[in-house]
Amino acid sequence: TLLSLNNWIVARQHAGALDTSVALAHLYNLTSRHVGSRHPLTLTVLHNWASAFRIERNHGPAIEKFAQCAAERRDVLGPNHRDTLMSSLGLGTAYWAAGNSEQAVRILRDVARLLEDQFGPTHPDTLTA
């Protein structure tokens, strides 16, 4: 299934494979065609694709994909949904990695506040932000 393929690619990424952005690009196109570009599974693949770019230190595409994913998830899932917040967190960390600390801090503060409001100050997601 598409979800299994996504999970396999991400597992390879966690094992140190550095070429996962190409596989995730193909999977994103495939998933978009089969379930739609705004389907939660497609948005998960998009988030993972952005993460792959960040891991590969390809900052421009990472920022672009995280921004796209955060905006789509905000529209589809709502601004306070955990997945939306995780994509916004990814966007902040991508800006940080790219050396844009001002933009990163602005985003990360907003995400941390929303996560704390929703999950509390000691939740792992809040602490990550």
N, C-alpha and C. Protein backbone atom coordinates (compact mmCIF):
# COMPACT_ATOMS: atom_id res chain seq x y z
N THR A 1 0.84 -1.19 0.00
CA THR A 1 0.00 0.00 0.00
C THR A 1 0.88 1.25 0.00
N LEU A 2 0.25 2.37 -0.24
CA LEU A 2 0.98 3.64 -0.25
C LEU A 2 1.55 3.96 1.12
N LEU A 3 0.77 3.71 2.17
CA LEU A 3 1.25 3.96 3.53
C LEU A 3 2.46 3.08 3.87
N SER A 4 2.40 1.83 3.48
CA SER A 4 3.53 0.92 3.73
C SER A 4 4.78 1.39 3.00
N LEU A 5 4.62 1.85 1.78
CA LEU A 5 5.75 2.35 1.02
C LEU A 5 6.34 3.58 1.70
N ASN A 6 5.48 4.49 2.16
CA ASN A 6 5.93 5.66 2.90
C ASN A 6 6.74 5.24 4.13
N ASN A 7 6.21 4.31 4.89
CA ASN A 7 6.88 3.87 6.10
C ASN A 7 8.22 3.20 5.80
N TRP A 8 8.28 2.45 4.72
CA TRP A 8 9.54 1.80 4.33
C TRP A 8 10.59 2.84 3.96
N ILE A 9 10.19 3.86 3.21
CA ILE A 9 11.13 4.91 2.82
C ILE A 9 11.63 5.66 4.05
N VAL A 10 10.74 5.98 4.97
CA VAL A 10 11.13 6.69 6.18
C VAL A 10 12.04 5.81 7.05
N ALA A 11 11.78 4.52 7.10
CA ALA A 11 12.65 3.61 7.84
C ALA A 11 14.05 3.61 7.24
N ARG A 12 14.14 3.61 5.92
CA ARG A 12 15.45 3.70 5.25
C ARG A 12 16.15 5.00 5.62
N GLN A 13 15.36 6.07 5.67
CA GLN A 13 15.91 7.38 6.03
C GLN A 13 16.48 7.34 7.45
N HIS A 14 15.76 6.74 8.37
CA HIS A 14 16.21 6.64 9.75
C HIS A 14 17.44 5.73 9.87
N ALA A 15 17.59 4.84 8.94
CA ALA A 15 18.75 3.93 8.94
C ALA A 15 19.97 4.58 8.28
N GLY A 16 19.81 5.80 7.78
CA GLY A 16 20.95 6.52 7.24
C GLY A 16 20.96 6.69 5.73
N ALA A 17 19.95 6.21 5.03
CA ALA A 17 19.91 6.41 3.57
C ALA A 17 19.78 7.90 3.28
N LEU A 18 20.55 8.38 2.34
CA LEU A 18 20.55 9.82 2.03
C LEU A 18 19.86 10.16 0.72
N ASP A 19 19.19 9.20 0.12
CA ASP A 19 18.56 9.43 -1.18
C ASP A 19 17.04 9.36 -1.10
N THR A 20 16.49 9.53 0.08
CA THR A 20 15.05 9.30 0.23
C THR A 20 14.19 10.42 -0.37
N SER A 21 14.75 11.61 -0.58
CA SER A 21 13.92 12.68 -1.14
C SER A 21 13.43 12.31 -2.54
N VAL A 22 14.24 11.61 -3.31
CA VAL A 22 13.83 11.21 -4.66
C VAL A 22 12.68 10.21 -4.59
N ALA A 23 12.81 9.21 -3.72
CA ALA A 23 11.74 8.21 -3.57
C ALA A 23 10.46 8.86 -3.06
N LEU A 24 10.60 9.80 -2.11
CA LEU A 24 9.40 10.47 -1.57
C LEU A 24 8.76 11.39 -2.59
N ALA A 25 9.54 11.96 -3.49
CA ALA A 25 8.96 12.77 -4.57
C ALA A 25 8.07 11.92 -5.46
N HIS A 26 8.57 10.74 -5.82
CA HIS A 26 7.76 9.82 -6.63
C HIS A 26 6.52 9.37 -5.88
N LEU A 27 6.69 9.06 -4.60
CA LEU A 27 5.54 8.61 -3.80
C LEU A 27 4.52 9.73 -3.64
N TYR A 28 4.99 10.96 -3.47
CA TYR A 28 4.07 12.10 -3.36
C TYR A 28 3.22 12.22 -4.63
N ASN A 29 3.86 12.13 -5.79
CA ASN A 29 3.11 12.22 -7.06
C ASN A 29 2.12 11.07 -7.19
N LEU A 30 2.55 9.88 -6.84
CA LEU A 30 1.68 8.71 -6.91
C LEU A 30 0.50 8.84 -5.95
N THR A 31 0.77 9.24 -4.73
CA THR A 31 -0.29 9.38 -3.72
C THR A 31 -1.27 10.48 -4.12
N SER A 32 -0.74 11.59 -4.64
CA SER A 32 -1.62 12.69 -5.09
C SER A 32 -2.59 12.22 -6.16
N ARG A 33 -2.09 11.41 -7.09
CA ARG A 33 -2.95 10.91 -8.16
C ARG A 33 -4.01 9.94 -7.65
N HIS A 34 -3.65 9.11 -6.68
CA HIS A 34 -4.57 8.05 -6.25
C HIS A 34 -5.56 8.47 -5.17
N VAL A 35 -5.16 9.33 -4.24
CA VAL A 35 -6.08 9.71 -3.17
C VAL A 35 -6.35 11.21 -3.10
N GLY A 36 -5.62 11.99 -3.89
CA GLY A 36 -5.83 13.43 -3.92
C GLY A 36 -4.73 14.18 -3.19
N SER A 37 -4.47 15.39 -3.65
CA SER A 37 -3.35 16.16 -3.13
C SER A 37 -3.58 16.68 -1.72
N ARG A 38 -4.84 16.71 -1.27
CA ARG A 38 -5.13 17.22 0.08
C ARG A 38 -5.52 16.12 1.05
N HIS A 39 -5.38 14.89 0.62
CA HIS A 39 -5.67 13.75 1.51
C HIS A 39 -4.62 13.70 2.62
N PRO A 40 -5.02 13.35 3.85
CA PRO A 40 -4.04 13.28 4.95
C PRO A 40 -2.82 12.41 4.66
N LEU A 41 -2.99 11.30 3.93
CA LEU A 41 -1.85 10.46 3.59
C LEU A 41 -0.88 11.20 2.67
N THR A 42 -1.40 11.91 1.69
CA THR A 42 -0.56 12.68 0.78
C THR A 42 0.19 13.75 1.55
N LEU A 43 -0.48 14.37 2.52
CA LEU A 43 0.17 15.41 3.32
C LEU A 43 1.24 14.82 4.23
N THR A 44 1.05 13.59 4.68
CA THR A 44 2.08 12.91 5.46
C THR A 44 3.31 12.66 4.60
N VAL A 45 3.09 12.22 3.37
CA VAL A 45 4.21 12.00 2.45
C VAL A 45 4.92 13.32 2.17
N LEU A 46 4.16 14.40 1.99
CA LEU A 46 4.74 15.72 1.75
C LEU A 46 5.61 16.15 2.94
N HIS A 47 5.10 15.93 4.15
CA HIS A 47 5.88 16.26 5.36
C HIS A 47 7.18 15.44 5.40
N ASN A 48 7.08 14.17 5.10
CA ASN A 48 8.27 13.32 5.11
C ASN A 48 9.26 13.71 4.01
N TRP A 49 8.74 14.15 2.88
CA TRP A 49 9.58 14.63 1.79
C TRP A 49 10.35 15.87 2.24
N ALA A 50 9.65 16.79 2.90
CA ALA A 50 10.31 17.99 3.44
C ALA A 50 11.39 17.59 4.45
N SER A 51 11.08 16.62 5.30
CA SER A 51 12.06 16.15 6.29
C SER A 51 13.29 15.56 5.60
N ALA A 52 13.06 14.84 4.52
CA ALA A 52 14.19 14.25 3.78
C ALA A 52 15.10 15.35 3.23
N PHE A 53 14.50 16.41 2.69
CA PHE A 53 15.32 17.53 2.20
C PHE A 53 16.12 18.15 3.35
N ARG A 54 15.47 18.30 4.52
CA ARG A 54 16.18 18.89 5.66
C ARG A 54 17.35 18.01 6.08
N ILE A 55 17.14 16.71 6.15
CA ILE A 55 18.20 15.77 6.52
C ILE A 55 19.34 15.81 5.51
N GLU A 56 18.99 15.98 4.24
CA GLU A 56 19.99 16.06 3.18
C GLU A 56 20.64 17.45 3.09
N ARG A 57 20.25 18.34 4.00
CA ARG A 57 20.76 19.71 4.06
C ARG A 57 20.44 20.50 2.79
N ASN A 58 19.32 20.19 2.20
CA ASN A 58 18.84 20.89 1.02
C ASN A 58 17.76 21.86 1.51
N HIS A 59 18.21 22.99 2.07
CA HIS A 59 17.35 23.86 2.88
C HIS A 59 16.23 24.54 2.10
N GLY A 60 16.50 25.00 0.89
CA GLY A 60 15.46 25.68 0.12
C GLY A 60 14.24 24.81 -0.11
N PRO A 61 14.41 23.62 -0.69
CA PRO A 61 13.26 22.74 -0.88
C PRO A 61 12.62 22.29 0.44
N ALA A 62 13.42 22.13 1.49
CA ALA A 62 12.84 21.75 2.79
C ALA A 62 11.88 22.84 3.27
N ILE A 63 12.32 24.08 3.20
CA ILE A 63 11.46 25.19 3.63
C ILE A 63 10.21 25.25 2.76
N GLU A 64 10.39 25.13 1.45
CA GLU A 64 9.25 25.18 0.52
C GLU A 64 8.22 24.09 0.82
N LYS A 65 8.68 22.86 1.02
CA LYS A 65 7.76 21.74 1.24
C LYS A 65 7.11 21.80 2.62
N PHE A 66 7.89 22.19 3.65
CA PHE A 66 7.28 22.34 4.98
C PHE A 66 6.23 23.45 4.98
N ALA A 67 6.51 24.55 4.30
CA ALA A 67 5.54 25.65 4.23
C ALA A 67 4.27 25.20 3.51
N GLN A 68 4.45 24.49 2.40
CA GLN A 68 3.31 23.97 1.65
C GLN A 68 2.49 23.01 2.52
N CYS A 69 3.19 22.11 3.20
CA CYS A 69 2.50 21.11 4.01
C CYS A 69 1.78 21.76 5.19
N ALA A 70 2.44 22.70 5.86
CA ALA A 70 1.79 23.37 7.00
C ALA A 70 0.54 24.11 6.54
N ALA A 71 0.61 24.79 5.39
CA ALA A 71 -0.55 25.52 4.87
C ALA A 71 -1.68 24.57 4.49
N GLU A 72 -1.34 23.49 3.80
CA GLU A 72 -2.37 22.52 3.41
C GLU A 72 -3.01 21.87 4.64
N ARG A 73 -2.17 21.47 5.59
CA ARG A 73 -2.72 20.84 6.80
C ARG A 73 -3.57 21.83 7.59
N ARG A 74 -3.18 23.10 7.62
CA ARG A 74 -3.97 24.11 8.30
C ARG A 74 -5.35 24.19 7.66
N ASP A 75 -5.41 24.15 6.34
CA ASP A 75 -6.69 24.22 5.63
C ASP A 75 -7.52 22.95 5.82
N VAL A 76 -6.88 21.79 5.76
CA VAL A 76 -7.59 20.52 5.78
C VAL A 76 -7.90 20.06 7.21
N LEU A 77 -6.91 20.17 8.09
CA LEU A 77 -7.04 19.60 9.44
C LEU A 77 -7.33 20.64 10.52
N GLY A 78 -7.05 21.89 10.22
CA GLY A 78 -7.23 22.96 11.20
C GLY A 78 -5.90 23.42 11.77
N PRO A 79 -5.86 24.65 12.30
CA PRO A 79 -4.60 25.24 12.75
C PRO A 79 -4.01 24.60 14.01
N ASN A 80 -4.83 23.94 14.80
CA ASN A 80 -4.35 23.38 16.06
C ASN A 80 -4.16 21.87 16.03
N HIS A 81 -4.37 21.26 14.88
CA HIS A 81 -4.19 19.81 14.77
C HIS A 81 -2.71 19.48 14.94
N ARG A 82 -2.42 18.39 15.61
CA ARG A 82 -1.05 18.00 15.88
C ARG A 82 -0.22 17.92 14.61
N ASP A 83 -0.77 17.35 13.54
CA ASP A 83 -0.01 17.22 12.29
C ASP A 83 0.32 18.60 11.70
N THR A 84 -0.61 19.53 11.79
CA THR A 84 -0.35 20.89 11.33
C THR A 84 0.80 21.51 12.12
N LEU A 85 0.73 21.34 13.44
CA LEU A 85 1.77 21.90 14.30
C LEU A 85 3.13 21.25 14.04
N MET A 86 3.14 19.95 13.75
CA MET A 86 4.41 19.28 13.48
C MET A 86 5.03 19.77 12.17
N SER A 87 4.19 20.06 11.18
CA SER A 87 4.73 20.61 9.93
C SER A 87 5.24 22.03 10.14
N SER A 88 4.56 22.80 10.98
CA SER A 88 5.04 24.15 11.31
C SER A 88 6.34 24.07 12.09
N LEU A 89 6.45 23.10 12.98
CA LEU A 89 7.69 22.87 13.72
C LEU A 89 8.82 22.53 12.74
N GLY A 90 8.53 21.66 11.78
CA GLY A 90 9.52 21.32 10.76
C GLY A 90 9.95 22.55 9.97
N LEU A 91 9.00 23.43 9.66
CA LEU A 91 9.32 24.66 8.93
C LEU A 91 10.28 25.52 9.76
N GLY A 92 10.00 25.64 11.05
CA GLY A 92 10.88 26.42 11.92
C GLY A 92 12.28 25.84 11.98
N THR A 93 12.37 24.53 12.11
CA THR A 93 13.70 23.91 12.19
C THR A 93 14.43 24.00 10.85
N ALA A 94 13.69 24.00 9.75
CA ALA A 94 14.33 24.15 8.43
C ALA A 94 14.89 25.57 8.27
N TYR A 95 14.13 26.57 8.73
CA TYR A 95 14.66 27.93 8.70
C TYR A 95 15.92 28.04 9.57
N TRP A 96 15.88 27.42 10.74
CA TRP A 96 17.04 27.45 11.63
C TRP A 96 18.26 26.83 10.94
N ALA A 97 18.06 25.66 10.34
CA ALA A 97 19.16 24.96 9.66
C ALA A 97 19.71 25.78 8.50
N ALA A 98 18.84 26.58 7.88
CA ALA A 98 19.26 27.42 6.75
C ALA A 98 19.94 28.71 7.21
N GLY A 99 19.98 28.94 8.52
CA GLY A 99 20.63 30.13 9.05
C GLY A 99 19.72 31.32 9.23
N ASN A 100 18.42 31.15 9.05
CA ASN A 100 17.47 32.24 9.23
C ASN A 100 16.87 32.12 10.64
N SER A 101 17.66 32.48 11.63
CA SER A 101 17.24 32.28 13.02
C SER A 101 16.07 33.18 13.42
N GLU A 102 15.98 34.36 12.84
CA GLU A 102 14.87 35.26 13.18
C GLU A 102 13.53 34.65 12.80
N GLN A 103 13.41 34.17 11.58
CA GLN A 103 12.18 33.52 11.12
C GLN A 103 11.93 32.24 11.90
N ALA A 104 12.99 31.48 12.14
CA ALA A 104 12.86 30.22 12.88
C ALA A 104 12.30 30.45 14.27
N VAL A 105 12.87 31.40 14.99
CA VAL A 105 12.43 31.66 16.37
C VAL A 105 10.98 32.11 16.39
N ARG A 106 10.59 32.95 15.45
CA ARG A 106 9.19 33.41 15.39
C ARG A 106 8.24 32.22 15.25
N ILE A 107 8.54 31.34 14.30
CA ILE A 107 7.69 30.18 14.06
C ILE A 107 7.72 29.23 15.25
N LEU A 108 8.90 28.93 15.75
CA LEU A 108 9.03 27.97 16.84
C LEU A 108 8.36 28.45 18.11
N ARG A 109 8.41 29.75 18.40
CA ARG A 109 7.70 30.28 19.57
C ARG A 109 6.20 30.11 19.43
N ASP A 110 5.68 30.42 18.24
CA ASP A 110 4.24 30.25 18.00
C ASP A 110 3.82 28.79 18.16
N VAL A 111 4.60 27.89 17.58
CA VAL A 111 4.29 26.46 17.66
C VAL A 111 4.38 25.97 19.10
N ALA A 112 5.41 26.38 19.82
CA ALA A 112 5.57 25.97 21.21
C ALA A 112 4.38 26.43 22.05
N ARG A 113 3.93 27.66 21.83
CA ARG A 113 2.77 28.18 22.56
C ARG A 113 1.51 27.37 22.26
N LEU A 114 1.28 27.08 20.98
CA LEU A 114 0.09 26.30 20.61
C LEU A 114 0.16 24.88 21.16
N LEU A 115 1.33 24.28 21.11
CA LEU A 115 1.48 22.92 21.66
C LEU A 115 1.28 22.91 23.17
N GLU A 116 1.82 23.91 23.83
CA GLU A 116 1.65 23.98 25.29
C GLU A 116 0.18 24.17 25.65
N ASP A 117 -0.52 25.03 24.91
CA ASP A 117 -1.96 25.24 25.15
C ASP A 117 -2.74 23.95 24.96
N GLN A 118 -2.36 23.19 23.95
CA GLN A 118 -3.11 21.99 23.61
C GLN A 118 -2.72 20.77 24.44
N PHE A 119 -1.42 20.57 24.67
CA PHE A 119 -0.95 19.33 25.29
C PHE A 119 -0.32 19.51 26.67
N GLY A 120 -0.02 20.76 27.04
CA GLY A 120 0.61 21.01 28.33
C GLY A 120 2.11 21.22 28.18
N PRO A 121 2.75 21.76 29.23
CA PRO A 121 4.16 22.13 29.15
C PRO A 121 5.13 20.96 29.16
N THR A 122 4.70 19.79 29.59
CA THR A 122 5.63 18.66 29.70
C THR A 122 5.45 17.61 28.60
N HIS A 123 4.55 17.85 27.67
CA HIS A 123 4.34 16.90 26.58
C HIS A 123 5.59 16.89 25.70
N PRO A 124 5.99 15.72 25.19
CA PRO A 124 7.21 15.63 24.37
C PRO A 124 7.20 16.58 23.16
N ASP A 125 6.06 16.77 22.51
CA ASP A 125 6.02 17.67 21.36
C ASP A 125 6.28 19.11 21.79
N THR A 126 5.71 19.52 22.93
CA THR A 126 5.94 20.86 23.45
C THR A 126 7.41 21.05 23.78
N LEU A 127 8.01 20.08 24.42
CA LEU A 127 9.43 20.16 24.78
C LEU A 127 10.32 20.21 23.54
N THR A 128 9.94 19.50 22.49
CA THR A 128 10.71 19.54 21.25
C THR A 128 10.70 20.94 20.64
N ALA A 129 9.53 21.56 20.66
CA ALA A 129 9.39 22.92 20.10
C ALA A 129 10.16 23.91 20.96
